[in-house]
Every structure is written in C-alpha cells, then in structure tokens.
Amino acid sequence: VARIDSAGTTVYADSVKGRFTISRDNAKNTVYLQMNSLKPEGTGVYFC
C-alpha cells in the first residue's frame, strides 16, 4: 500500500495515491498510515 524509507522517501500503490499518506515518528518508534476517501475495495487486513 505504502512504504517509507529511513530518509522519509515514500512510495504508494497507484490505487491509493492522493488519498493515503504514510509517515513515521522515529522518536516514538511508530509509523502511521493516514487513509482518506476510503473505498470498499480498501477493505482488508493491513499489515505493518
């Protein structure tokens, strides 16, 4: 769905470009996926 490297460079699946945003907070050891304008085909199990 989305990927972010150590420099903050991101890659998105074509199907989610413009709607999803991946980000990371290294101080919190946490990565996020903000999902907007969700569609039924977005249903599934999301794995980190």
ModelCIF file with pLDDT and N, C-alpha, C, O atoms, coordinates in Angstrom:
data_MODEL
#
_entry.id   MODEL 
#
_entity.id                         1 
_entity.type                       polymer 
_entity.pdbx_number_of_molecules   1 
#
_entity_poly.entity_id                      1 
_entity_poly.type                           'polypeptide(L)' 
_entity_poly.nstd_linkage                   no 
_entity_poly.nstd_monomer                   no 
_entity_poly.pdbx_seq_one_letter_code       VARIDSAGTTVYADSVKGRFTISRDNAKNTVYLQMNSLKPEGTGVYFC 
_entity_poly.pdbx_seq_one_letter_code_can   VARIDSAGTTVYADSVKGRFTISRDNAKNTVYLQMNSLKPEGTGVYFC 
_entity_poly.pdbx_strand_id                 A 
#
loop_
_entity_poly_seq.entity_id 
_entity_poly_seq.num 
_entity_poly_seq.mon_id 
_entity_poly_seq.hetero 
1 1  VAL n 
1 2  ALA n 
1 3  ARG n 
1 4  ILE n 
1 5  ASP n 
1 6  SER n 
1 7  ALA n 
1 8  GLY n 
1 9  THR n 
1 10 THR n 
1 11 VAL n 
1 12 TYR n 
1 13 ALA n 
1 14 ASP n 
1 15 SER n 
1 16 VAL n 
1 17 LYS n 
1 18 GLY n 
1 19 ARG n 
1 20 PHE n 
1 21 THR n 
1 22 ILE n 
1 23 SER n 
1 24 ARG n 
1 25 ASP n 
1 26 ASN n 
1 27 ALA n 
1 28 LYS n 
1 29 ASN n 
1 30 THR n 
1 31 VAL n 
1 32 TYR n 
1 33 LEU n 
1 34 GLN n 
1 35 MET n 
1 36 ASN n 
1 37 SER n 
1 38 LEU n 
1 39 LYS n 
1 40 PRO n 
1 41 GLU n 
1 42 GLY n 
1 43 THR n 
1 44 GLY n 
1 45 VAL n 
1 46 TYR n 
1 47 PHE n 
1 48 CYS n 
#
_struct_asym.id          A 
_struct_asym.entity_id   1 
#
loop_
_ma_qa_metric.id 
_ma_qa_metric.mode 
_ma_qa_metric.name 
_ma_qa_metric.software_group_id 
_ma_qa_metric.type 
1 global pLDDT . pLDDT 
2 local  pLDDT . pLDDT 
#
_ma_qa_metric_global.metric_id      1 
_ma_qa_metric_global.metric_value   97.27 
_ma_qa_metric_global.model_id       1 
_ma_qa_metric_global.ordinal_id     1 
#
loop_
_ma_qa_metric_local.label_asym_id 
_ma_qa_metric_local.label_comp_id 
_ma_qa_metric_local.label_seq_id 
_ma_qa_metric_local.metric_id 
_ma_qa_metric_local.metric_value 
_ma_qa_metric_local.model_id 
_ma_qa_metric_local.ordinal_id 
A VAL 1  2 98.00 1 1  
A ALA 2  2 98.00 1 2  
A ARG 3  2 98.00 1 3  
A ILE 4  2 98.00 1 4  
A ASP 5  2 97.00 1 5  
A SER 6  2 95.00 1 6  
A ALA 7  2 95.00 1 7  
A GLY 8  2 96.00 1 8  
A THR 9  2 98.00 1 9  
A THR 10 2 98.00 1 10 
A VAL 11 2 98.00 1 11 
A TYR 12 2 98.00 1 12 
A ALA 13 2 98.00 1 13 
A ASP 14 2 98.00 1 14 
A SER 15 2 97.00 1 15 
A VAL 16 2 98.00 1 16 
A LYS 17 2 97.00 1 17 
A GLY 18 2 97.00 1 18 
A ARG 19 2 98.00 1 19 
A PHE 20 2 98.00 1 20 
A THR 21 2 98.00 1 21 
A ILE 22 2 98.00 1 22 
A SER 23 2 98.00 1 23 
A ARG 24 2 97.00 1 24 
A ASP 25 2 96.00 1 25 
A ASN 26 2 94.00 1 26 
A ALA 27 2 94.00 1 27 
A LYS 28 2 96.00 1 28 
A ASN 29 2 96.00 1 29 
A THR 30 2 97.00 1 30 
A VAL 31 2 98.00 1 31 
A TYR 32 2 98.00 1 32 
A LEU 33 2 98.00 1 33 
A GLN 34 2 98.00 1 34 
A MET 35 2 98.00 1 35 
A ASN 36 2 98.00 1 36 
A SER 37 2 98.00 1 37 
A LEU 38 2 98.00 1 38 
A LYS 39 2 97.00 1 39 
A PRO 40 2 97.00 1 40 
A GLU 41 2 95.00 1 41 
A GLY 42 2 97.00 1 42 
A THR 43 2 97.00 1 43 
A GLY 44 2 98.00 1 44 
A VAL 45 2 98.00 1 45 
A TYR 46 2 98.00 1 46 
A PHE 47 2 98.00 1 47 
A CYS 48 2 98.00 1 48 
#
loop_
_atom_site.group_PDB 
_atom_site.id 
_atom_site.type_symbol 
_atom_site.label_atom_id 
_atom_site.label_alt_id 
_atom_site.label_comp_id 
_atom_site.label_asym_id 
_atom_site.label_entity_id 
_atom_site.label_seq_id 
_atom_site.pdbx_PDB_ins_code 
_atom_site.Cartn_x 
_atom_site.Cartn_y 
_atom_site.Cartn_z 
_atom_site.occupancy 
_atom_site.B_iso_or_equiv 
_atom_site.pdbx_formal_charge 
_atom_site.auth_seq_id 
_atom_site.auth_comp_id 
_atom_site.auth_asym_id 
_atom_site.auth_atom_id 
_atom_site.pdbx_PDB_model_num 
ATOM 1   N N  . VAL A 1 1  ? 0.833   -1.194 0.000  1.00 98.00 ? 1  VAL A N  1 
ATOM 2   C CA . VAL A 1 1  ? 0.000   0.000  0.000  1.00 98.00 ? 1  VAL A CA 1 
ATOM 3   C C  . VAL A 1 1  ? 0.870   1.248  0.000  1.00 98.00 ? 1  VAL A C  1 
ATOM 4   O O  . VAL A 1 1  ? 0.661   2.155  -0.805 1.00 98.00 ? 1  VAL A O  1 
ATOM 5   N N  . ALA A 1 2  ? 1.842   1.294  0.899  1.00 98.00 ? 2  ALA A N  1 
ATOM 6   C CA . ALA A 1 2  ? 2.727   2.443  1.008  1.00 98.00 ? 2  ALA A CA 1 
ATOM 7   C C  . ALA A 1 2  ? 4.000   2.039  1.715  1.00 98.00 ? 2  ALA A C  1 
ATOM 8   O O  . ALA A 1 2  ? 4.016   1.087  2.495  1.00 98.00 ? 2  ALA A O  1 
ATOM 9   N N  . ARG A 1 3  ? 5.080   2.776  1.435  1.00 98.00 ? 3  ARG A N  1 
ATOM 10  C CA . ARG A 1 3  ? 6.373   2.487  2.028  1.00 98.00 ? 3  ARG A CA 1 
ATOM 11  C C  . ARG A 1 3  ? 7.113   3.783  2.294  1.00 98.00 ? 3  ARG A C  1 
ATOM 12  O O  . ARG A 1 3  ? 6.986   4.743  1.534  1.00 98.00 ? 3  ARG A O  1 
ATOM 13  N N  . ILE A 1 4  ? 7.883   3.813  3.367  1.00 98.00 ? 4  ILE A N  1 
ATOM 14  C CA . ILE A 1 4  ? 8.700   4.978  3.691  1.00 98.00 ? 4  ILE A CA 1 
ATOM 15  C C  . ILE A 1 4  ? 10.064  4.504  4.162  1.00 98.00 ? 4  ILE A C  1 
ATOM 16  O O  . ILE A 1 4  ? 10.155  3.626  5.020  1.00 98.00 ? 4  ILE A O  1 
ATOM 17  N N  . ASP A 1 5  ? 11.131  5.079  3.606  1.00 97.00 ? 5  ASP A N  1 
ATOM 18  C CA . ASP A 1 5  ? 12.465  4.652  3.971  1.00 97.00 ? 5  ASP A CA 1 
ATOM 19  C C  . ASP A 1 5  ? 13.045  5.533  5.074  1.00 97.00 ? 5  ASP A C  1 
ATOM 20  O O  . ASP A 1 5  ? 12.364  6.409  5.607  1.00 97.00 ? 5  ASP A O  1 
ATOM 21  N N  . SER A 1 6  ? 14.311  5.289  5.408  1.00 95.00 ? 6  SER A N  1 
ATOM 22  C CA . SER A 1 6  ? 14.939  5.989  6.519  1.00 95.00 ? 6  SER A CA 1 
ATOM 23  C C  . SER A 1 6  ? 15.114  7.483  6.267  1.00 95.00 ? 6  SER A C  1 
ATOM 24  O O  . SER A 1 6  ? 15.240  8.257  7.215  1.00 95.00 ? 6  SER A O  1 
ATOM 25  N N  . ALA A 1 7  ? 15.122  7.895  5.004  1.00 95.00 ? 7  ALA A N  1 
ATOM 26  C CA . ALA A 1 7  ? 15.243  9.299  4.647  1.00 95.00 ? 7  ALA A CA 1 
ATOM 27  C C  . ALA A 1 7  ? 13.899  9.996  4.517  1.00 95.00 ? 7  ALA A C  1 
ATOM 28  O O  . ALA A 1 7  ? 13.845  11.202 4.278  1.00 95.00 ? 7  ALA A O  1 
ATOM 29  N N  . GLY A 1 8  ? 12.815  9.248  4.673  1.00 96.00 ? 8  GLY A N  1 
ATOM 30  C CA . GLY A 1 8  ? 11.493  9.819  4.548  1.00 96.00 ? 8  GLY A CA 1 
ATOM 31  C C  . GLY A 1 8  ? 10.913  9.756  3.153  1.00 96.00 ? 8  GLY A C  1 
ATOM 32  O O  . GLY A 1 8  ? 9.834   10.297 2.913  1.00 96.00 ? 8  GLY A O  1 
ATOM 33  N N  . THR A 1 9  ? 11.601  9.110  2.230  1.00 98.00 ? 9  THR A N  1 
ATOM 34  C CA . THR A 1 9  ? 11.091  8.959  0.879  1.00 98.00 ? 9  THR A CA 1 
ATOM 35  C C  . THR A 1 9  ? 9.955   7.951  0.865  1.00 98.00 ? 9  THR A C  1 
ATOM 36  O O  . THR A 1 9  ? 10.052  6.888  1.478  1.00 98.00 ? 9  THR A O  1 
ATOM 37  N N  . THR A 1 10 ? 8.886   8.284  0.172  1.00 98.00 ? 10 THR A N  1 
ATOM 38  C CA . THR A 1 10 ? 7.684   7.455  0.190  1.00 98.00 ? 10 THR A CA 1 
ATOM 39  C C  . THR A 1 10 ? 7.370   6.872  -1.176 1.00 98.00 ? 10 THR A C  1 
ATOM 40  O O  . THR A 1 10 ? 7.716   7.440  -2.212 1.00 98.00 ? 10 THR A O  1 
ATOM 41  N N  . VAL A 1 11 ? 6.710   5.733  -1.153 1.00 98.00 ? 11 VAL A N  1 
ATOM 42  C CA . VAL A 1 11 ? 6.204   5.071  -2.339 1.00 98.00 ? 11 VAL A CA 1 
ATOM 43  C C  . VAL A 1 11 ? 4.781   4.629  -2.049 1.00 98.00 ? 11 VAL A C  1 
ATOM 44  O O  . VAL A 1 11 ? 4.494   4.112  -0.969 1.00 98.00 ? 11 VAL A O  1 
ATOM 45  N N  . TYR A 1 12 ? 3.883   4.833  -3.017 1.00 98.00 ? 12 TYR A N  1 
ATOM 46  C CA . TYR A 1 12 ? 2.493   4.462  -2.845 1.00 98.00 ? 12 TYR A CA 1 
ATOM 47  C C  . TYR A 1 12 ? 2.017   3.600  -4.000 1.00 98.00 ? 12 TYR A C  1 
ATOM 48  O O  . TYR A 1 12 ? 2.459   3.758  -5.138 1.00 98.00 ? 12 TYR A O  1 
ATOM 49  N N  . ALA A 1 13 ? 1.112   2.691  -3.691 1.00 98.00 ? 13 ALA A N  1 
ATOM 50  C CA . ALA A 1 13 ? 0.414   1.986  -4.748 1.00 98.00 ? 13 ALA A CA 1 
ATOM 51  C C  . ALA A 1 13 ? -0.413  2.990  -5.542 1.00 98.00 ? 13 ALA A C  1 
ATOM 52  O O  . ALA A 1 13 ? -0.944  3.951  -4.986 1.00 98.00 ? 13 ALA A O  1 
ATOM 53  N N  . ASP A 1 14 ? -0.513  2.756  -6.841 1.00 98.00 ? 14 ASP A N  1 
ATOM 54  C CA . ASP A 1 14 ? -1.274  3.675  -7.687 1.00 98.00 ? 14 ASP A CA 1 
ATOM 55  C C  . ASP A 1 14 ? -2.710  3.856  -7.190 1.00 98.00 ? 14 ASP A C  1 
ATOM 56  O O  . ASP A 1 14 ? -3.285  4.936  -7.320 1.00 98.00 ? 14 ASP A O  1 
ATOM 57  N N  . SER A 1 15 ? -3.275  2.814  -6.632 1.00 97.00 ? 15 SER A N  1 
ATOM 58  C CA . SER A 1 15 ? -4.664  2.847  -6.211 1.00 97.00 ? 15 SER A CA 1 
ATOM 59  C C  . SER A 1 15 ? -4.928  3.770  -5.026 1.00 97.00 ? 15 SER A C  1 
ATOM 60  O O  . SER A 1 15 ? -6.077  4.133  -4.773 1.00 97.00 ? 15 SER A O  1 
ATOM 61  N N  . VAL A 1 16 ? -3.882  4.153  -4.296 1.00 98.00 ? 16 VAL A N  1 
ATOM 62  C CA . VAL A 1 16 ? -4.075  4.982  -3.102 1.00 98.00 ? 16 VAL A CA 1 
ATOM 63  C C  . VAL A 1 16 ? -3.413  6.345  -3.200 1.00 98.00 ? 16 VAL A C  1 
ATOM 64  O O  . VAL A 1 16 ? -3.541  7.153  -2.281 1.00 98.00 ? 16 VAL A O  1 
ATOM 65  N N  . LYS A 1 17 ? -2.714  6.619  -4.284 1.00 97.00 ? 17 LYS A N  1 
ATOM 66  C CA . LYS A 1 17 ? -2.039  7.904  -4.439 1.00 97.00 ? 17 LYS A CA 1 
ATOM 67  C C  . LYS A 1 17 ? -3.029  9.055  -4.340 1.00 97.00 ? 17 LYS A C  1 
ATOM 68  O O  . LYS A 1 17 ? -4.093  9.043  -4.959 1.00 97.00 ? 17 LYS A O  1 
ATOM 69  N N  . GLY A 1 18 ? -2.651  10.041 -3.550 1.00 97.00 ? 18 GLY A N  1 
ATOM 70  C CA . GLY A 1 18 ? -3.504  11.203 -3.351 1.00 97.00 ? 18 GLY A CA 1 
ATOM 71  C C  . GLY A 1 18 ? -4.513  11.051 -2.239 1.00 97.00 ? 18 GLY A C  1 
ATOM 72  O O  . GLY A 1 18 ? -5.135  12.032 -1.832 1.00 97.00 ? 18 GLY A O  1 
ATOM 73  N N  . ARG A 1 19 ? -4.690  9.832  -1.734 1.00 98.00 ? 19 ARG A N  1 
ATOM 74  C CA . ARG A 1 19 ? -5.664  9.576  -0.682 1.00 98.00 ? 19 ARG A CA 1 
ATOM 75  C C  . ARG A 1 19 ? -5.031  9.108  0.623  1.00 98.00 ? 19 ARG A C  1 
ATOM 76  O O  . ARG A 1 19 ? -5.530  9.418  1.705  1.00 98.00 ? 19 ARG A O  1 
ATOM 77  N N  . PHE A 1 20 ? -3.934  8.363  0.524  1.00 98.00 ? 20 PHE A N  1 
ATOM 78  C CA . PHE A 1 20 ? -3.252  7.828  1.702  1.00 98.00 ? 20 PHE A CA 1 
ATOM 79  C C  . PHE A 1 20 ? -1.923  8.545  1.903  1.00 98.00 ? 20 PHE A C  1 
ATOM 80  O O  . PHE A 1 20 ? -1.289  8.985  0.945  1.00 98.00 ? 20 PHE A O  1 
ATOM 81  N N  . THR A 1 21 ? -1.514  8.654  3.155  1.00 98.00 ? 21 THR A N  1 
ATOM 82  C CA . THR A 1 21 ? -0.222  9.239  3.493  1.00 98.00 ? 21 THR A CA 1 
ATOM 83  C C  . THR A 1 21 ? 0.472   8.389  4.545  1.00 98.00 ? 21 THR A C  1 
ATOM 84  O O  . THR A 1 21 ? -0.087  8.130  5.610  1.00 98.00 ? 21 THR A O  1 
ATOM 85  N N  . ILE A 1 22 ? 1.685   7.959  4.247  1.00 98.00 ? 22 ILE A N  1 
ATOM 86  C CA . ILE A 1 22 ? 2.486   7.236  5.221  1.00 98.00 ? 22 ILE A CA 1 
ATOM 87  C C  . ILE A 1 22 ? 3.471   8.208  5.858  1.00 98.00 ? 22 ILE A C  1 
ATOM 88  O O  . ILE A 1 22 ? 4.026   9.073  5.180  1.00 98.00 ? 22 ILE A O  1 
ATOM 89  N N  . SER A 1 23 ? 3.682   8.064  7.151  1.00 98.00 ? 23 SER A N  1 
ATOM 90  C CA . SER A 1 23 ? 4.623   8.916  7.864  1.00 98.00 ? 23 SER A CA 1 
ATOM 91  C C  . SER A 1 23 ? 5.242   8.122  9.003  1.00 98.00 ? 23 SER A C  1 
ATOM 92  O O  . SER A 1 23 ? 4.770   7.039  9.348  1.00 98.00 ? 23 SER A O  1 
ATOM 93  N N  . ARG A 1 24 ? 6.292   8.664  9.576  1.00 97.00 ? 24 ARG A N  1 
ATOM 94  C CA . ARG A 1 24 ? 6.931   7.987  10.694 1.00 97.00 ? 24 ARG A CA 1 
ATOM 95  C C  . ARG A 1 24 ? 7.390   8.989  11.731 1.00 97.00 ? 24 ARG A C  1 
ATOM 96  O O  . ARG A 1 24 ? 7.725   10.129 11.411 1.00 97.00 ? 24 ARG A O  1 
ATOM 97  N N  . ASP A 1 25 ? 7.400   8.547  12.976 1.00 96.00 ? 25 ASP A N  1 
ATOM 98  C CA . ASP A 1 25 ? 7.908   9.321  14.096 1.00 96.00 ? 25 ASP A CA 1 
ATOM 99  C C  . ASP A 1 25 ? 8.964   8.456  14.759 1.00 96.00 ? 25 ASP A C  1 
ATOM 100 O O  . ASP A 1 25 ? 8.646   7.571  15.553 1.00 96.00 ? 25 ASP A O  1 
ATOM 101 N N  . ASN A 1 26 ? 10.219  8.715  14.431 1.00 94.00 ? 26 ASN A N  1 
ATOM 102 C CA . ASN A 1 26 ? 11.298  7.875  14.929 1.00 94.00 ? 26 ASN A CA 1 
ATOM 103 C C  . ASN A 1 26 ? 11.459  7.959  16.445 1.00 94.00 ? 26 ASN A C  1 
ATOM 104 O O  . ASN A 1 26 ? 11.888  6.992  17.075 1.00 94.00 ? 26 ASN A O  1 
ATOM 105 N N  . ALA A 1 27 ? 11.119  9.100  17.031 1.00 94.00 ? 27 ALA A N  1 
ATOM 106 C CA . ALA A 1 27 ? 11.210  9.250  18.476 1.00 94.00 ? 27 ALA A CA 1 
ATOM 107 C C  . ALA A 1 27 ? 10.227  8.343  19.197 1.00 94.00 ? 27 ALA A C  1 
ATOM 108 O O  . ALA A 1 27 ? 10.454  7.957  20.344 1.00 94.00 ? 27 ALA A O  1 
ATOM 109 N N  . LYS A 1 28 ? 9.136   8.005  18.526 1.00 96.00 ? 28 LYS A N  1 
ATOM 110 C CA . LYS A 1 28 ? 8.112   7.140  19.104 1.00 96.00 ? 28 LYS A CA 1 
ATOM 111 C C  . LYS A 1 28 ? 8.155   5.726  18.548 1.00 96.00 ? 28 LYS A C  1 
ATOM 112 O O  . LYS A 1 28 ? 7.325   4.891  18.908 1.00 96.00 ? 28 LYS A O  1 
ATOM 113 N N  . ASN A 1 29 ? 9.112   5.451  17.675 1.00 96.00 ? 29 ASN A N  1 
ATOM 114 C CA . ASN A 1 29 ? 9.202   4.136  17.030 1.00 96.00 ? 29 ASN A CA 1 
ATOM 115 C C  . ASN A 1 29 ? 7.867   3.730  16.407 1.00 96.00 ? 29 ASN A C  1 
ATOM 116 O O  . ASN A 1 29 ? 7.404   2.601  16.576 1.00 96.00 ? 29 ASN A O  1 
ATOM 117 N N  . THR A 1 30 ? 7.265   4.660  15.693 1.00 97.00 ? 30 THR A N  1 
ATOM 118 C CA . THR A 1 30 ? 5.924   4.437  15.166 1.00 97.00 ? 30 THR A CA 1 
ATOM 119 C C  . THR A 1 30 ? 5.820   4.902  13.723 1.00 97.00 ? 30 THR A C  1 
ATOM 120 O O  . THR A 1 30 ? 6.365   5.941  13.349 1.00 97.00 ? 30 THR A O  1 
ATOM 121 N N  . VAL A 1 31 ? 5.118   4.124  12.924 1.00 98.00 ? 31 VAL A N  1 
ATOM 122 C CA . VAL A 1 31 ? 4.790   4.505  11.559 1.00 98.00 ? 31 VAL A CA 1 
ATOM 123 C C  . VAL A 1 31 ? 3.272   4.588  11.448 1.00 98.00 ? 31 VAL A C  1 
ATOM 124 O O  . VAL A 1 31 ? 2.554   3.812  12.078 1.00 98.00 ? 31 VAL A O  1 
ATOM 125 N N  . TYR A 1 32 ? 2.790   5.530  10.646 1.00 98.00 ? 32 TYR A N  1 
ATOM 126 C CA . TYR A 1 32 ? 1.367   5.777  10.513 1.00 98.00 ? 32 TYR A CA 1 
ATOM 127 C C  . TYR A 1 32 ? 0.932   5.637  9.063  1.00 98.00 ? 32 TYR A C  1 
ATOM 128 O O  . TYR A 1 32 ? 1.722   5.803  8.133  1.00 98.00 ? 32 TYR A O  1 
ATOM 129 N N  . LEU A 1 33 ? -0.327  5.332  8.901  1.00 98.00 ? 33 LEU A N  1 
ATOM 130 C CA . LEU A 1 33 ? -0.947  5.370  7.585  1.00 98.00 ? 33 LEU A CA 1 
ATOM 131 C C  . LEU A 1 33 ? -2.263  6.125  7.710  1.00 98.00 ? 33 LEU A C  1 
ATOM 132 O O  . LEU A 1 33 ? -3.238  5.614  8.261  1.00 98.00 ? 33 LEU A O  1 
ATOM 133 N N  . GLN A 1 34 ? -2.275  7.338  7.196  1.00 98.00 ? 34 GLN A N  1 
ATOM 134 C CA . GLN A 1 34 ? -3.493  8.133  7.165  1.00 98.00 ? 34 GLN A CA 1 
ATOM 135 C C  . GLN A 1 34 ? -4.259  7.784  5.898  1.00 98.00 ? 34 GLN A C  1 
ATOM 136 O O  . GLN A 1 34 ? -3.748  7.960  4.792  1.00 98.00 ? 34 GLN A O  1 
ATOM 137 N N  . MET A 1 35 ? -5.468  7.296  6.054  1.00 98.00 ? 35 MET A N  1 
ATOM 138 C CA . MET A 1 35 ? -6.272  6.843  4.934  1.00 98.00 ? 35 MET A CA 1 
ATOM 139 C C  . MET A 1 35 ? -7.507  7.733  4.824  1.00 98.00 ? 35 MET A C  1 
ATOM 140 O O  . MET A 1 35 ? -8.362  7.742  5.709  1.00 98.00 ? 35 MET A O  1 
ATOM 141 N N  . ASN A 1 36 ? -7.585  8.471  3.736  1.00 98.00 ? 36 ASN A N  1 
ATOM 142 C CA . ASN A 1 36 ? -8.718  9.345  3.469  1.00 98.00 ? 36 ASN A CA 1 
ATOM 143 C C  . ASN A 1 36 ? -9.477  8.849  2.249  1.00 98.00 ? 36 ASN A C  1 
ATOM 144 O O  . ASN A 1 36 ? -8.954  8.074  1.448  1.00 98.00 ? 36 ASN A O  1 
ATOM 145 N N  . SER A 1 37 ? -10.702 9.301  2.121  1.00 98.00 ? 37 SER A N  1 
ATOM 146 C CA . SER A 1 37 ? -11.550 8.941  0.978  1.00 98.00 ? 37 SER A CA 1 
ATOM 147 C C  . SER A 1 37 ? -11.573 7.436  0.755  1.00 98.00 ? 37 SER A C  1 
ATOM 148 O O  . SER A 1 37 ? -11.380 6.960  -0.363 1.00 98.00 ? 37 SER A O  1 
ATOM 149 N N  . LEU A 1 38 ? -11.806 6.706  1.811  1.00 98.00 ? 38 LEU A N  1 
ATOM 150 C CA . LEU A 1 38 ? -11.763 5.248  1.741  1.00 98.00 ? 38 LEU A CA 1 
ATOM 151 C C  . LEU A 1 38 ? -12.849 4.680  0.841  1.00 98.00 ? 38 LEU A C  1 
ATOM 152 O O  . LEU A 1 38 ? -13.974 5.178  0.796  1.00 98.00 ? 38 LEU A O  1 
ATOM 153 N N  . LYS A 1 39 ? -12.479 3.628  0.128  1.00 97.00 ? 39 LYS A N  1 
ATOM 154 C CA . LYS A 1 39 ? -13.370 2.935  -0.787 1.00 97.00 ? 39 LYS A CA 1 
ATOM 155 C C  . LYS A 1 39 ? -13.593 1.506  -0.306 1.00 97.00 ? 39 LYS A C  1 
ATOM 156 O O  . LYS A 1 39 ? -12.753 0.965  0.414  1.00 97.00 ? 39 LYS A O  1 
ATOM 157 N N  . PRO A 1 40 ? -14.706 0.885  -0.688 1.00 97.00 ? 40 PRO A N  1 
ATOM 158 C CA . PRO A 1 40 ? -14.947 -0.502 -0.270 1.00 97.00 ? 40 PRO A CA 1 
ATOM 159 C C  . PRO A 1 40 ? -13.804 -1.452 -0.632 1.00 97.00 ? 40 PRO A C  1 
ATOM 160 O O  . PRO A 1 40 ? -13.524 -2.387 0.119  1.00 97.00 ? 40 PRO A O  1 
ATOM 161 N N  . GLU A 1 41 ? -13.149 -1.230 -1.758 1.00 95.00 ? 41 GLU A N  1 
ATOM 162 C CA . GLU A 1 41 ? -12.040 -2.084 -2.158 1.00 95.00 ? 41 GLU A CA 1 
ATOM 163 C C  . GLU A 1 41 ? -10.815 -1.907 -1.266 1.00 95.00 ? 41 GLU A C  1 
ATOM 164 O O  . GLU A 1 41 ? -9.840  -2.646 -1.407 1.00 95.00 ? 41 GLU A O  1 
ATOM 165 N N  . GLY A 1 42 ? -10.850 -0.951 -0.360 1.00 97.00 ? 42 GLY A N  1 
ATOM 166 C CA . GLY A 1 42 ? -9.806  -0.786 0.627  1.00 97.00 ? 42 GLY A CA 1 
ATOM 167 C C  . GLY A 1 42 ? -9.949  -1.722 1.815  1.00 97.00 ? 42 GLY A C  1 
ATOM 168 O O  . GLY A 1 42 ? -9.100  -1.730 2.706  1.00 97.00 ? 42 GLY A O  1 
ATOM 169 N N  . THR A 1 43 ? -11.010 -2.504 1.835  1.00 97.00 ? 43 THR A N  1 
ATOM 170 C CA . THR A 1 43 ? -11.240 -3.461 2.906  1.00 97.00 ? 43 THR A CA 1 
ATOM 171 C C  . THR A 1 43 ? -10.180 -4.560 2.904  1.00 97.00 ? 43 THR A C  1 
ATOM 172 O O  . THR A 1 43 ? -9.804  -5.062 1.844  1.00 97.00 ? 43 THR A O  1 
ATOM 173 N N  . GLY A 1 44 ? -9.708  -4.925 4.064  1.00 98.00 ? 44 GLY A N  1 
ATOM 174 C CA . GLY A 1 44 ? -8.738  -5.994 4.196  1.00 98.00 ? 44 GLY A CA 1 
ATOM 175 C C  . GLY A 1 44 ? -7.995  -5.887 5.505  1.00 98.00 ? 44 GLY A C  1 
ATOM 176 O O  . GLY A 1 44 ? -8.259  -5.005 6.322  1.00 98.00 ? 44 GLY A O  1 
ATOM 177 N N  . VAL A 1 45 ? -7.070  -6.791 5.689  1.00 98.00 ? 45 VAL A N  1 
ATOM 178 C CA . VAL A 1 45 ? -6.198  -6.749 6.851  1.00 98.00 ? 45 VAL A CA 1 
ATOM 179 C C  . VAL A 1 45 ? -4.944  -5.986 6.469  1.00 98.00 ? 45 VAL A C  1 
ATOM 180 O O  . VAL A 1 45 ? -4.267  -6.329 5.499  1.00 98.00 ? 45 VAL A O  1 
ATOM 181 N N  . TYR A 1 46 ? -4.642  -4.962 7.227  1.00 98.00 ? 46 TYR A N  1 
ATOM 182 C CA . TYR A 1 46 ? -3.473  -4.134 6.970  1.00 98.00 ? 46 TYR A CA 1 
ATOM 183 C C  . TYR A 1 46 ? -2.330  -4.566 7.888  1.00 98.00 ? 46 TYR A C  1 
ATOM 184 O O  . TYR A 1 46 ? -2.462  -4.588 9.111  1.00 98.00 ? 46 TYR A O  1 
ATOM 185 N N  . PHE A 1 47 ? -1.220  -4.904 7.268  1.00 98.00 ? 47 PHE A N  1 
ATOM 186 C CA . PHE A 1 47 ? -0.051  -5.389 7.980  1.00 98.00 ? 47 PHE A CA 1 
ATOM 187 C C  . PHE A 1 47 ? 1.068   -4.363 7.935  1.00 98.00 ? 47 PHE A C  1 
ATOM 188 O O  . PHE A 1 47 ? 1.308   -3.729 6.908  1.00 98.00 ? 47 PHE A O  1 
ATOM 189 N N  . CYS A 1 48 ? 1.739   -4.210 9.048  1.00 98.00 ? 48 CYS A N  1 
ATOM 190 C CA . CYS A 1 48 ? 2.920   -3.372 9.138  1.00 98.00 ? 48 CYS A CA 1 
ATOM 191 C C  . CYS A 1 48 ? 4.151   -4.217 8.867  1.00 98.00 ? 48 CYS A C  1 
ATOM 192 O O  . CYS A 1 48 ? 5.270   -3.704 8.892  1.00 98.00 ? 48 CYS A O  1 
#
